[in-house]
Amino acid sequence: RIGLAQALINEPRLVVLDEPTAGVDPAGTRAIC
C-alpha cells in the first residue's frame, strides 16, 4: 500500500503495477483491489 502511494505521488494519469498483490494476505489484497 505504501508502494502504491509512492506510485501515485506525482498524480500520474497512468499507473503500471507488476503483480500488485503478490504475497499479500486476503484482507490486504481486498484493500488493494
All heavy atoms as atom14 arrays in JSON, in Angstrom:
{
  "sequence": "RIGLAQALINEPRLVVLDEPTAGVDPAGTRAIC",
  "atom14_mask": [
    [1, 1, 1, 1, 1, 1, 1, 1, 1, 1, 1, 0, 0, 0],
    [1, 1, 1, 1, 1, 1, 1, 1, 0, 0, 0, 0, 0, 0],
    [1, 1, 1, 1, 0, 0, 0, 0, 0, 0, 0, 0, 0, 0],
    [1, 1, 1, 1, 1, 1, 1, 1, 0, 0, 0, 0, 0, 0],
    [1, 1, 1, 1, 1, 0, 0, 0, 0, 0, 0, 0, 0, 0],
    [1, 1, 1, 1, 1, 1, 1, 1, 1, 0, 0, 0, 0, 0],
    [1, 1, 1, 1, 1, 0, 0, 0, 0, 0, 0, 0, 0, 0],
    [1, 1, 1, 1, 1, 1, 1, 1, 0, 0, 0, 0, 0, 0],
    [1, 1, 1, 1, 1, 1, 1, 1, 0, 0, 0, 0, 0, 0],
    [1, 1, 1, 1, 1, 1, 1, 1, 0, 0, 0, 0, 0, 0],
    [1, 1, 1, 1, 1, 1, 1, 1, 1, 0, 0, 0, 0, 0],
    [1, 1, 1, 1, 1, 1, 1, 0, 0, 0, 0, 0, 0, 0],
    [1, 1, 1, 1, 1, 1, 1, 1, 1, 1, 1, 0, 0, 0],
    [1, 1, 1, 1, 1, 1, 1, 1, 0, 0, 0, 0, 0, 0],
    [1, 1, 1, 1, 1, 1, 1, 0, 0, 0, 0, 0, 0, 0],
    [1, 1, 1, 1, 1, 1, 1, 0, 0, 0, 0, 0, 0, 0],
    [1, 1, 1, 1, 1, 1, 1, 1, 0, 0, 0, 0, 0, 0],
    [1, 1, 1, 1, 1, 1, 1, 1, 0, 0, 0, 0, 0, 0],
    [1, 1, 1, 1, 1, 1, 1, 1, 1, 0, 0, 0, 0, 0],
    [1, 1, 1, 1, 1, 1, 1, 0, 0, 0, 0, 0, 0, 0],
    [1, 1, 1, 1, 1, 1, 1, 0, 0, 0, 0, 0, 0, 0],
    [1, 1, 1, 1, 1, 0, 0, 0, 0, 0, 0, 0, 0, 0],
    [1, 1, 1, 1, 0, 0, 0, 0, 0, 0, 0, 0, 0, 0],
    [1, 1, 1, 1, 1, 1, 1, 0, 0, 0, 0, 0, 0, 0],
    [1, 1, 1, 1, 1, 1, 1, 1, 0, 0, 0, 0, 0, 0],
    [1, 1, 1, 1, 1, 1, 1, 0, 0, 0, 0, 0, 0, 0],
    [1, 1, 1, 1, 1, 0, 0, 0, 0, 0, 0, 0, 0, 0],
    [1, 1, 1, 1, 0, 0, 0, 0, 0, 0, 0, 0, 0, 0],
    [1, 1, 1, 1, 1, 1, 1, 0, 0, 0, 0, 0, 0, 0],
    [1, 1, 1, 1, 1, 1, 1, 1, 1, 1, 1, 0, 0, 0],
    [1, 1, 1, 1, 1, 0, 0, 0, 0, 0, 0, 0, 0, 0],
    [1, 1, 1, 1, 1, 1, 1, 1, 0, 0, 0, 0, 0, 0],
    [1, 1, 1, 1, 1, 1, 0, 0, 0, 0, 0, 0, 0, 0]
  ],
  "atom14_positions": [
    [[0.82, -1.21, 0.0], [0.0, 0.0, 0.0], [0.86, 1.26, 0.0], [0.52, 2.25, -0.67], [-0.97, -0.01, 1.18], [-2.18, -0.92, 0.94], [-3.18, -0.81, 2.05], [-2.75, -1.56, 3.23], [-3.07, -1.24, 4.48], [-3.78, -0.15, 4.73], [-2.67, -1.99, 5.48], [0.0, 0.0, 0.0], [0.0, 0.0, 0.0], [0.0, 0.0, 0.0]],
    [[1.97, 1.24, 0.73], [2.85, 2.41, 0.68], [3.52, 2.48, -0.69], [3.79, 3.57, -1.22], [3.91, 2.39, 1.81], [4.46, 3.81, 2.08], [5.06, 1.46, 1.5], [3.48, 4.75, 2.68], [0.0, 0.0, 0.0], [0.0, 0.0, 0.0], [0.0, 0.0, 0.0], [0.0, 0.0, 0.0], [0.0, 0.0, 0.0], [0.0, 0.0, 0.0]],
    [[3.74, 1.31, -1.31], [4.27, 1.28, -2.66], [3.3, 1.87, -3.66], [3.69, 2.61, -4.58], [0.0, 0.0, 0.0], [0.0, 0.0, 0.0], [0.0, 0.0, 0.0], [0.0, 0.0, 0.0], [0.0, 0.0, 0.0], [0.0, 0.0, 0.0], [0.0, 0.0, 0.0], [0.0, 0.0, 0.0], [0.0, 0.0, 0.0], [0.0, 0.0, 0.0]],
    [[2.02, 1.57, -3.49], [1.01, 2.16, -4.36], [0.94, 3.66, -4.14], [0.79, 4.44, -5.1], [-0.35, 1.51, -4.1], [-1.51, 1.93, -4.99], [-1.17, 1.72, -6.46], [-2.77, 1.16, -4.62], [0.0, 0.0, 0.0], [0.0, 0.0, 0.0], [0.0, 0.0, 0.0], [0.0, 0.0, 0.0], [0.0, 0.0, 0.0], [0.0, 0.0, 0.0]],
    [[1.09, 4.09, -2.89], [1.08, 5.53, -2.59], [2.24, 6.24, -3.28], [2.07, 7.32, -3.85], [1.13, 5.76, -1.09], [0.0, 0.0, 0.0], [0.0, 0.0, 0.0], [0.0, 0.0, 0.0], [0.0, 0.0, 0.0], [0.0, 0.0, 0.0], [0.0, 0.0, 0.0], [0.0, 0.0, 0.0], [0.0, 0.0, 0.0], [0.0, 0.0, 0.0]],
    [[3.44, 5.63, -3.27], [4.58, 6.29, -3.93], [4.39, 6.32, -5.43], [4.85, 7.24, -6.1], [5.9, 5.62, -3.55], [6.15, 4.2, -4.06], [6.57, 4.12, -5.51], [7.16, 5.06, -6.04], [6.26, 3.01, -6.17], [0.0, 0.0, 0.0], [0.0, 0.0, 0.0], [0.0, 0.0, 0.0], [0.0, 0.0, 0.0], [0.0, 0.0, 0.0]],
    [[3.68, 5.31, -5.99], [3.41, 5.32, -7.43], [2.46, 6.44, -7.81], [2.42, 6.87, -8.96], [2.85, 3.97, -7.86], [0.0, 0.0, 0.0], [0.0, 0.0, 0.0], [0.0, 0.0, 0.0], [0.0, 0.0, 0.0], [0.0, 0.0, 0.0], [0.0, 0.0, 0.0], [0.0, 0.0, 0.0], [0.0, 0.0, 0.0], [0.0, 0.0, 0.0]],
    [[1.69, 6.92, -6.83], [0.69, 7.96, -7.07], [1.17, 9.36, -6.66], [0.44, 10.33, -6.84], [-0.59, 7.64, -6.3], [-1.33, 6.36, -6.69], [-2.36, 5.99, -5.63], [-2.0, 6.52, -8.04], [0.0, 0.0, 0.0], [0.0, 0.0, 0.0], [0.0, 0.0, 0.0], [0.0, 0.0, 0.0], [0.0, 0.0, 0.0], [0.0, 0.0, 0.0]],
    [[2.38, 9.45, -6.14], [2.82, 10.69, -5.5], [2.81, 11.87, -6.47], [2.5, 13.0, -6.09], [4.24, 10.51, -4.88], [4.58, 11.69, -3.96], [5.29, 10.29, -5.93], [3.79, 11.74, -2.7], [0.0, 0.0, 0.0], [0.0, 0.0, 0.0], [0.0, 0.0, 0.0], [0.0, 0.0, 0.0], [0.0, 0.0, 0.0], [0.0, 0.0, 0.0]],
    [[3.14, 11.63, -7.73], [3.21, 12.73, -8.7], [1.92, 12.91, -9.48], [1.92, 13.52, -10.55], [4.38, 12.5, -9.67], [4.21, 11.21, -10.48], [3.65, 10.25, -9.99], [4.7, 11.2, -11.71], [0.0, 0.0, 0.0], [0.0, 0.0, 0.0], [0.0, 0.0, 0.0], [0.0, 0.0, 0.0], [0.0, 0.0, 0.0], [0.0, 0.0, 0.0]],
    [[0.81, 12.36, -8.95], [-0.5, 12.47, -9.57], [-0.49, 12.0, -11.03], [-0.86, 12.73, -11.94], [-1.02, 13.92, -9.48], [-1.14, 14.41, -8.05], [-1.73, 15.8, -7.96], [-2.91, 15.96, -8.32], [-1.0, 16.71, -7.55], [0.0, 0.0, 0.0], [0.0, 0.0, 0.0], [0.0, 0.0, 0.0], [0.0, 0.0, 0.0], [0.0, 0.0, 0.0]],
    [[-0.06, 10.75, -11.26], [0.03, 10.24, -12.63], [-1.34, 9.96, -13.23], [-2.3, 9.72, -12.52], [0.83, 8.94, -12.46], [0.44, 8.47, -11.09], [0.31, 9.72, -10.27], [0.0, 0.0, 0.0], [0.0, 0.0, 0.0], [0.0, 0.0, 0.0], [0.0, 0.0, 0.0], [0.0, 0.0, 0.0], [0.0, 0.0, 0.0], [0.0, 0.0, 0.0]],
    [[-1.39, 9.96, -14.55], [-2.6, 9.56, -15.25], [-2.6, 8.06, -15.56], [-3.64, 7.48, -15.81], [-2.75, 10.35, -16.55], [-3.02, 11.83, -16.34], [-3.42, 12.48, -17.65], [-2.3, 12.57, -18.58], [-2.44, 12.72, -19.9], [-3.64, 12.76, -20.45], [-1.37, 12.83, -20.68], [0.0, 0.0, 0.0], [0.0, 0.0, 0.0], [0.0, 0.0, 0.0]],
    [[-1.4, 7.46, -15.57], [-1.24, 6.03, -15.83], [-0.42, 5.42, -14.72], [0.64, 5.94, -14.36], [-0.54, 5.81, -17.18], [-0.07, 4.38, -17.48], [-1.25, 3.44, -17.67], [0.84, 4.36, -18.71], [0.0, 0.0, 0.0], [0.0, 0.0, 0.0], [0.0, 0.0, 0.0], [0.0, 0.0, 0.0], [0.0, 0.0, 0.0], [0.0, 0.0, 0.0]],
    [[-0.9, 4.29, -14.17], [-0.15, 3.58, -13.13], [0.1, 2.16, -13.63], [-0.83, 1.46, -14.04], [-0.92, 3.55, -11.8], [-0.15, 2.73, -10.76], [-1.15, 4.96, -11.28], [0.0, 0.0, 0.0], [0.0, 0.0, 0.0], [0.0, 0.0, 0.0], [0.0, 0.0, 0.0], [0.0, 0.0, 0.0], [0.0, 0.0, 0.0], [0.0, 0.0, 0.0]],
    [[1.36, 1.75, -13.6], [1.77, 0.41, -14.04], [2.1, -0.41, -12.8], [2.93, 0.0, -11.97], [3.0, 0.49, -14.97], [3.43, -0.92, -15.39], [2.66, 1.33, -16.2], [0.0, 0.0, 0.0], [0.0, 0.0, 0.0], [0.0, 0.0, 0.0], [0.0, 0.0, 0.0], [0.0, 0.0, 0.0], [0.0, 0.0, 0.0], [0.0, 0.0, 0.0]],
    [[1.46, -1.56, -12.66], [1.61, -2.4, -11.49], [2.05, -3.8, -11.92], [1.4, -4.43, -12.75], [0.3, -2.51, -10.71], [-0.37, -1.2, -10.28], [-1.73, -1.49, -9.64], [0.51, -0.42, -9.32], [0.0, 0.0, 0.0], [0.0, 0.0, 0.0], [0.0, 0.0, 0.0], [0.0, 0.0, 0.0], [0.0, 0.0, 0.0], [0.0, 0.0, 0.0]],
    [[3.15, -4.28, -11.35], [3.64, -5.63, -11.64], [3.34, -6.52, -10.44], [3.96, -6.39, -9.4], [5.14, -5.58, -11.93], [5.66, -6.88, -12.56], [4.85, -7.82, -12.74], [6.85, -6.95, -12.86], [0.0, 0.0, 0.0], [0.0, 0.0, 0.0], [0.0, 0.0, 0.0], [0.0, 0.0, 0.0], [0.0, 0.0, 0.0], [0.0, 0.0, 0.0]],
    [[2.36, -7.41, -10.59], [1.93, -8.32, -9.52], [1.65, -7.53, -8.22], [2.32, -7.73, -7.2], [3.0, -9.39, -9.26], [3.33, -10.24, -10.47], [2.23, -11.23, -10.84], [1.23, -11.3, -10.1], [2.37, -11.91, -11.86], [0.0, 0.0, 0.0], [0.0, 0.0, 0.0], [0.0, 0.0, 0.0], [0.0, 0.0, 0.0], [0.0, 0.0, 0.0]],
    [[0.67, -6.65, -8.23], [0.46, -5.74, -7.09], [0.04, -6.43, -5.79], [0.19, -5.83, -4.72], [-0.64, -4.81, -7.58], [-1.36, -5.58, -8.64], [-0.3, -6.4, -9.31], [0.0, 0.0, 0.0], [0.0, 0.0, 0.0], [0.0, 0.0, 0.0], [0.0, 0.0, 0.0], [0.0, 0.0, 0.0], [0.0, 0.0, 0.0], [0.0, 0.0, 0.0]],
    [[-0.48, -7.65, -5.86], [-0.93, -8.32, -4.62], [-0.11, -9.56, -4.32], [-0.54, -10.4, -3.51], [-2.42, -8.69, -4.72], [-2.63, -9.57, -5.82], [-3.29, -7.46, -4.89], [0.0, 0.0, 0.0], [0.0, 0.0, 0.0], [0.0, 0.0, 0.0], [0.0, 0.0, 0.0], [0.0, 0.0, 0.0], [0.0, 0.0, 0.0], [0.0, 0.0, 0.0]],
    [[1.05, -9.71, -4.93], [1.88, -10.89, -4.69], [2.29, -10.98, -3.23], [2.85, -10.04, -2.67], [3.11, -10.85, -5.59], [0.0, 0.0, 0.0], [0.0, 0.0, 0.0], [0.0, 0.0, 0.0], [0.0, 0.0, 0.0], [0.0, 0.0, 0.0], [0.0, 0.0, 0.0], [0.0, 0.0, 0.0], [0.0, 0.0, 0.0], [0.0, 0.0, 0.0]],
    [[2.01, -12.11, -2.6], [2.41, -12.34, -1.22], [1.57, -11.64, -0.18], [1.9, -11.66, 1.01], [0.0, 0.0, 0.0], [0.0, 0.0, 0.0], [0.0, 0.0, 0.0], [0.0, 0.0, 0.0], [0.0, 0.0, 0.0], [0.0, 0.0, 0.0], [0.0, 0.0, 0.0], [0.0, 0.0, 0.0], [0.0, 0.0, 0.0], [0.0, 0.0, 0.0]],
    [[0.48, -11.0, -0.59], [-0.37, -10.25, 0.34], [-1.53, -11.13, 0.79], [-2.09, -11.89, 0.0], [-0.91, -8.97, -0.33], [-1.77, -8.17, 0.64], [0.25, -8.12, -0.83], [0.0, 0.0, 0.0], [0.0, 0.0, 0.0], [0.0, 0.0, 0.0], [0.0, 0.0, 0.0], [0.0, 0.0, 0.0], [0.0, 0.0, 0.0], [0.0, 0.0, 0.0]],
    [[-1.9, -11.04, 2.07], [-2.99, -11.86, 2.59], [-4.33, -11.39, 2.03], [-4.43, -10.32, 1.42], [-3.0, -11.86, 4.12], [-3.27, -10.48, 4.72], [-3.94, -9.65, 4.07], [-2.82, -10.24, 5.86], [0.0, 0.0, 0.0], [0.0, 0.0, 0.0], [0.0, 0.0, 0.0], [0.0, 0.0, 0.0], [0.0, 0.0, 0.0], [0.0, 0.0, 0.0]],
    [[-5.4, -12.2, 2.2], [-6.69, -11.86, 1.59], [-7.22, -10.47, 1.96], [-7.75, -9.76, 1.11], [-7.62, -12.97, 2.1], [-6.71, -14.14, 2.3], [-5.43, -13.55, 2.8], [0.0, 0.0, 0.0], [0.0, 0.0, 0.0], [0.0, 0.0, 0.0], [0.0, 0.0, 0.0], [0.0, 0.0, 0.0], [0.0, 0.0, 0.0], [0.0, 0.0, 0.0]],
    [[-7.06, -10.08, 3.23], [-7.55, -8.77, 3.64], [-6.78, -7.65, 2.95], [-7.35, -6.66, 2.47], [-7.46, -8.62, 5.16], [0.0, 0.0, 0.0], [0.0, 0.0, 0.0], [0.0, 0.0, 0.0], [0.0, 0.0, 0.0], [0.0, 0.0, 0.0], [0.0, 0.0, 0.0], [0.0, 0.0, 0.0], [0.0, 0.0, 0.0], [0.0, 0.0, 0.0]],
    [[-5.46, -7.8, 2.89], [-4.65, -6.8, 2.22], [-4.92, -6.75, 0.72], [-4.93, -5.67, 0.11], [0.0, 0.0, 0.0], [0.0, 0.0, 0.0], [0.0, 0.0, 0.0], [0.0, 0.0, 0.0], [0.0, 0.0, 0.0], [0.0, 0.0, 0.0], [0.0, 0.0, 0.0], [0.0, 0.0, 0.0], [0.0, 0.0, 0.0], [0.0, 0.0, 0.0]],
    [[-5.14, -7.92, 0.14], [-5.46, -8.0, -1.29], [-6.77, -7.29, -1.58], [-6.89, -6.54, -2.56], [-5.55, -9.46, -1.73], [-4.26, -10.07, -1.6], [-6.01, -9.58, -3.17], [0.0, 0.0, 0.0], [0.0, 0.0, 0.0], [0.0, 0.0, 0.0], [0.0, 0.0, 0.0], [0.0, 0.0, 0.0], [0.0, 0.0, 0.0], [0.0, 0.0, 0.0]],
    [[-7.76, -7.5, -0.72], [-9.05, -6.84, -0.89], [-8.9, -5.33, -0.84], [-9.49, -4.6, -1.64], [-10.0, -7.32, 0.22], [-11.38, -6.7, 0.24], [-12.23, -7.2, -0.89], [-12.11, -6.35, -2.08], [-12.45, -6.74, -3.29], [-12.9, -7.96, -3.51], [-12.34, -5.93, -4.31], [0.0, 0.0, 0.0], [0.0, 0.0, 0.0], [0.0, 0.0, 0.0]],
    [[-8.07, -4.85, 0.08], [-7.86, -3.41, 0.22], [-7.2, -2.83, -1.02], [-7.58, -1.75, -1.49], [-7.02, -3.13, 1.46], [0.0, 0.0, 0.0], [0.0, 0.0, 0.0], [0.0, 0.0, 0.0], [0.0, 0.0, 0.0], [0.0, 0.0, 0.0], [0.0, 0.0, 0.0], [0.0, 0.0, 0.0], [0.0, 0.0, 0.0], [0.0, 0.0, 0.0]],
    [[-6.22, -3.54, -1.58], [-5.52, -3.05, -2.77], [-6.45, -3.04, -3.97], [-6.48, -2.08, -4.76], [-4.27, -3.91, -3.04], [-3.24, -3.68, -1.93], [-3.67, -3.58, -4.4], [-2.08, -4.64, -1.95], [0.0, 0.0, 0.0], [0.0, 0.0, 0.0], [0.0, 0.0, 0.0], [0.0, 0.0, 0.0], [0.0, 0.0, 0.0], [0.0, 0.0, 0.0]],
    [[-7.25, -4.1, -4.14], [-8.2, -4.15, -5.25], [-9.23, -3.02, -5.14], [-9.57, -2.38, -6.16], [-8.91, -5.5, -5.28], [-7.86, -6.88, -5.8], [0.0, 0.0, 0.0], [0.0, 0.0, 0.0], [0.0, 0.0, 0.0], [0.0, 0.0, 0.0], [0.0, 0.0, 0.0], [0.0, 0.0, 0.0], [0.0, 0.0, 0.0], [0.0, 0.0, 0.0]]
  ]
}
